[in-house]
Amino acid sequence: MRSLLRLIALLLVLGAGASVGAAEFFRWIDEKGNVNFTDNLHNIPEKFRPKMETYRAPDVKSPPPAPIKTKTSIPFEKQGSVVIVDATLNKTTTTKLVVDTGASYTMISNATAKELSIDTAQSQRTAPFQTANGVIQAPIINLDSITVGGIEVKNLMAAVHDIQADPRVSGLLGLNFLSNFRMDIDTQSGLLHLEKK
């Protein structure tokens, strides 16, 4: 039983390193009846070589990398003419954003920025935005990523401003995200189709 366990362990060790070709190893029994394994023929005393057995560990190949997702179809909510989707920011915070092809930048609320541990006071940039109360200057921050329907866009700028009356909605999904895709809003099925350009 012990020798079987040693053989299994050796197979695993040798197999793990056999990504290019199958590893060869040898088994022999010494004068005390102990079963021995080695991957180097020179480790076997000459007198035991005639009765040694040769094994080959199976090839162990790395799995192919997962294909990068380039298309997705995700359900959306509709409030009047407004389309709302779930988006994950910085791989940590999932929130609802309005799909807005008229907004140059993606925009998130102050509460969402705090949830992401973003200090808007540290922002060196602002951009003008038209609101119901006139033009405001909103701080511009950098998001590591935005993921919608499993498709990720990295290193995206976003404005921080509380623009949505609905507390469930955190902001706008703007053109700096949407312009990476061919987009189709299927109102009959309630799906937003995105395909990377």
Protein backbone atom coordinates (compact mmCIF):
# COMPACT_ATOMS: atom_id res chain seq x y z
CA MET A 1 0.00 0.00 0.00
CA ARG A 2 2.81 2.39 0.91
CA SER A 3 4.61 1.72 -2.36
CA LEU A 4 1.35 2.33 -4.27
CA LEU A 5 0.94 5.69 -2.54
CA ARG A 6 4.56 6.56 -3.39
CA LEU A 7 3.91 5.62 -7.03
CA ILE A 8 0.79 7.82 -7.17
CA ALA A 9 2.66 10.72 -5.57
CA LEU A 10 5.53 10.34 -7.99
CA LEU A 11 3.13 10.19 -10.95
CA LEU A 12 1.55 13.43 -9.79
CA VAL A 13 4.90 15.18 -9.33
CA LEU A 14 6.33 13.96 -12.59
CA GLY A 15 3.08 14.50 -14.45
CA ALA A 16 2.87 18.11 -13.23
CA GLY A 17 6.18 18.86 -14.87
CA ALA A 18 5.36 17.01 -18.07
CA SER A 19 3.76 19.80 -20.04
CA VAL A 20 6.14 19.38 -22.99
CA GLY A 21 6.62 15.59 -23.09
CA ALA A 22 5.81 12.58 -20.93
CA ALA A 23 8.27 12.03 -18.06
CA GLU A 24 10.00 8.63 -17.75
CA PHE A 25 10.79 7.05 -14.39
CA PHE A 26 12.04 3.73 -13.06
CA ARG A 27 10.97 1.30 -10.32
CA TRP A 28 13.24 -1.23 -8.68
CA ILE A 29 13.36 -3.38 -5.54
CA ASP A 30 16.49 -3.38 -3.43
CA GLU A 31 18.01 -6.25 -1.41
CA LYS A 32 15.77 -5.42 1.61
CA GLY A 33 12.61 -5.66 -0.50
CA ASN A 34 12.01 -1.90 -0.54
CA VAL A 35 10.33 -0.50 -3.65
CA ASN A 36 12.19 2.53 -5.05
CA PHE A 37 11.38 5.09 -7.74
CA THR A 38 13.60 7.51 -9.62
CA ASP A 39 13.54 9.55 -12.81
CA ASN A 40 17.32 9.18 -13.21
CA LEU A 41 18.69 5.81 -14.37
CA HIS A 42 22.07 6.58 -12.76
CA ASN A 43 20.44 6.47 -9.31
CA ILE A 44 19.81 2.74 -9.69
CA PRO A 45 22.69 0.46 -8.64
CA GLU A 46 23.92 -1.61 -11.59
CA LYS A 47 22.91 -4.94 -10.03
CA PHE A 48 19.23 -3.91 -9.82
CA ARG A 49 18.91 -2.57 -13.35
CA PRO A 50 18.09 -5.89 -15.07
CA LYS A 51 14.88 -6.22 -13.01
CA MET A 52 13.85 -2.57 -12.97
CA GLU A 53 10.55 -1.49 -14.53
CA THR A 54 10.09 1.61 -16.67
CA TYR A 55 7.02 3.88 -16.50
CA ARG A 56 5.96 6.96 -18.36
CA ALA A 57 3.89 9.62 -16.64
CA PRO A 58 0.94 10.84 -18.71
CA ASP A 59 1.17 14.13 -20.56
CA VAL A 60 -0.34 16.97 -18.56
CA LYS A 61 -1.29 19.87 -20.78
CA SER A 62 -2.37 23.28 -19.59
CA PRO A 63 -6.00 24.02 -20.43
CA PRO A 64 -6.48 26.53 -23.23
CA PRO A 65 -7.16 30.07 -22.01
CA ALA A 66 -10.81 30.98 -21.68
CA PRO A 67 -12.03 32.84 -24.75
CA ILE A 68 -12.46 36.57 -24.29
CA LYS A 69 -16.14 37.43 -24.35
CA THR A 70 -16.96 39.82 -27.19
CA LYS A 71 -20.76 39.64 -27.31
CA THR A 72 -23.44 39.78 -24.67
CA SER A 73 -27.17 40.23 -24.30
CA ILE A 74 -28.39 41.50 -20.97
CA PRO A 75 -31.88 42.26 -19.65
CA PHE A 76 -32.69 45.88 -18.93
CA GLU A 77 -35.29 47.80 -16.96
CA LYS A 78 -37.29 50.50 -18.67
CA GLN A 79 -38.59 53.65 -16.99
CA GLY A 80 -40.45 55.55 -19.70
CA SER A 81 -37.87 55.97 -22.45
CA VAL A 82 -34.95 55.35 -20.06
CA VAL A 83 -33.03 52.07 -20.30
CA ILE A 84 -31.31 50.87 -17.09
CA VAL A 85 -28.74 48.05 -16.81
CA ASP A 86 -26.67 46.44 -14.08
CA ALA A 87 -22.98 47.32 -14.17
CA THR A 88 -20.10 46.16 -11.96
CA LEU A 89 -17.54 48.84 -11.15
CA ASN A 90 -13.93 47.92 -10.31
CA LYS A 91 -15.03 44.27 -10.02
CA THR A 92 -16.46 45.01 -6.58
CA THR A 93 -19.64 47.12 -6.71
CA THR A 94 -22.68 46.26 -8.80
CA THR A 95 -25.09 49.10 -9.43
CA LYS A 96 -27.70 50.34 -11.90
CA LEU A 97 -26.78 52.82 -14.62
CA VAL A 98 -28.89 54.55 -17.26
CA VAL A 99 -27.73 53.80 -20.82
CA ASP A 100 -27.15 57.32 -22.16
CA THR A 101 -25.65 57.74 -25.64
CA GLY A 102 -25.89 61.51 -25.19
CA ALA A 103 -23.45 61.56 -22.26
CA SER A 104 -19.77 61.80 -23.21
CA TYR A 105 -18.67 60.38 -19.85
CA THR A 106 -20.00 57.65 -17.63
CA MET A 107 -21.27 59.23 -14.41
CA ILE A 108 -21.60 57.78 -10.91
CA SER A 109 -23.13 59.15 -7.74
CA ASN A 110 -21.15 60.43 -4.76
CA ALA A 111 -22.45 57.50 -2.70
CA THR A 112 -21.12 55.01 -5.27
CA ALA A 113 -17.76 56.79 -5.36
CA LYS A 114 -17.55 56.45 -1.57
CA GLU A 115 -18.46 52.77 -1.82
CA LEU A 116 -15.53 52.38 -4.21
CA SER A 117 -13.26 54.28 -1.75
CA ILE A 118 -12.75 57.08 -4.28
CA ASP A 119 -11.98 60.48 -2.80
CA THR A 120 -13.33 63.06 -5.26
CA ALA A 121 -11.44 65.81 -3.41
CA GLN A 122 -8.24 64.31 -4.83
CA SER A 123 -9.45 64.72 -8.41
CA GLN A 124 -7.36 67.12 -10.49
CA ARG A 125 -9.88 67.33 -13.33
CA THR A 126 -13.45 68.55 -13.75
CA ALA A 127 -15.79 68.67 -16.73
CA PRO A 128 -18.90 70.76 -17.41
CA PHE A 129 -22.29 69.01 -17.40
CA GLN A 130 -25.70 70.40 -18.24
CA THR A 131 -28.27 69.72 -15.54
CA ALA A 132 -31.81 70.92 -14.87
CA ASN A 133 -30.30 73.66 -12.71
CA GLY A 134 -27.75 74.76 -15.31
CA VAL A 135 -24.14 73.83 -16.03
CA ILE A 136 -22.14 72.25 -13.19
CA GLN A 137 -18.47 71.28 -12.94
CA ALA A 138 -18.21 67.61 -11.91
CA PRO A 139 -14.96 65.99 -10.74
CA ILE A 140 -13.51 63.38 -13.11
CA ILE A 141 -12.15 60.18 -11.61
CA ASN A 142 -10.69 56.98 -13.06
CA LEU A 143 -12.40 53.61 -12.77
CA ASP A 144 -10.27 50.48 -13.09
CA SER A 145 -13.07 48.71 -14.95
CA ILE A 146 -16.74 48.60 -15.81
CA THR A 147 -18.31 45.22 -16.57
CA VAL A 148 -21.72 44.86 -18.20
CA GLY A 149 -23.08 41.42 -19.04
CA GLY A 150 -19.66 39.83 -18.52
CA ILE A 151 -17.88 42.21 -20.93
CA GLU A 152 -15.28 44.43 -19.31
CA VAL A 153 -13.84 47.78 -20.34
CA LYS A 154 -10.77 48.81 -18.35
CA ASN A 155 -9.38 52.16 -17.31
CA LEU A 156 -12.37 54.41 -17.88
CA MET A 157 -12.90 57.99 -16.79
CA ALA A 158 -16.13 58.84 -15.01
CA ALA A 159 -17.72 61.97 -13.62
CA VAL A 160 -19.05 62.03 -10.07
CA HIS A 161 -22.36 63.81 -9.56
CA ASP A 162 -25.80 63.02 -8.10
CA ILE A 163 -28.01 63.31 -11.16
CA GLN A 164 -30.64 60.58 -10.75
CA ALA A 165 -33.82 61.08 -8.76
CA ASP A 166 -34.25 57.29 -8.38
CA PRO A 167 -32.06 56.23 -5.41
CA ARG A 168 -31.63 52.75 -6.95
CA VAL A 169 -29.88 54.23 -9.98
CA SER A 170 -26.28 55.35 -9.48
CA GLY A 171 -25.65 57.31 -12.66
CA LEU A 172 -25.15 57.10 -16.41
CA LEU A 173 -23.40 54.62 -18.68
CA GLY A 174 -21.92 57.06 -21.18
CA LEU A 175 -20.31 57.03 -24.59
CA ASN A 176 -16.79 56.42 -23.29
CA PHE A 177 -18.07 52.91 -22.43
CA LEU A 178 -20.73 52.42 -25.11
CA SER A 179 -18.57 53.54 -28.04
CA ASN A 180 -16.50 50.35 -27.61
CA PHE A 181 -19.49 48.35 -28.87
CA ARG A 182 -22.05 47.93 -31.58
CA MET A 183 -25.24 48.35 -29.57
CA ASP A 184 -28.83 47.29 -30.13
CA ILE A 185 -31.68 47.89 -27.71
CA ASP A 186 -34.31 45.20 -28.31
CA THR A 187 -37.38 46.66 -26.64
CA GLN A 188 -39.60 43.66 -27.51
CA SER A 189 -37.39 41.14 -25.70
CA GLY A 190 -36.10 43.63 -23.12
CA LEU A 191 -32.48 42.92 -23.99
CA LEU A 192 -29.49 45.17 -24.60
CA HIS A 193 -27.16 43.57 -27.16
CA LEU A 194 -23.50 44.60 -27.08
CA GLU A 195 -20.77 43.40 -29.44
CA LYS A 196 -17.18 44.63 -29.19
CA LYS A 197 -15.98 46.59 -32.21
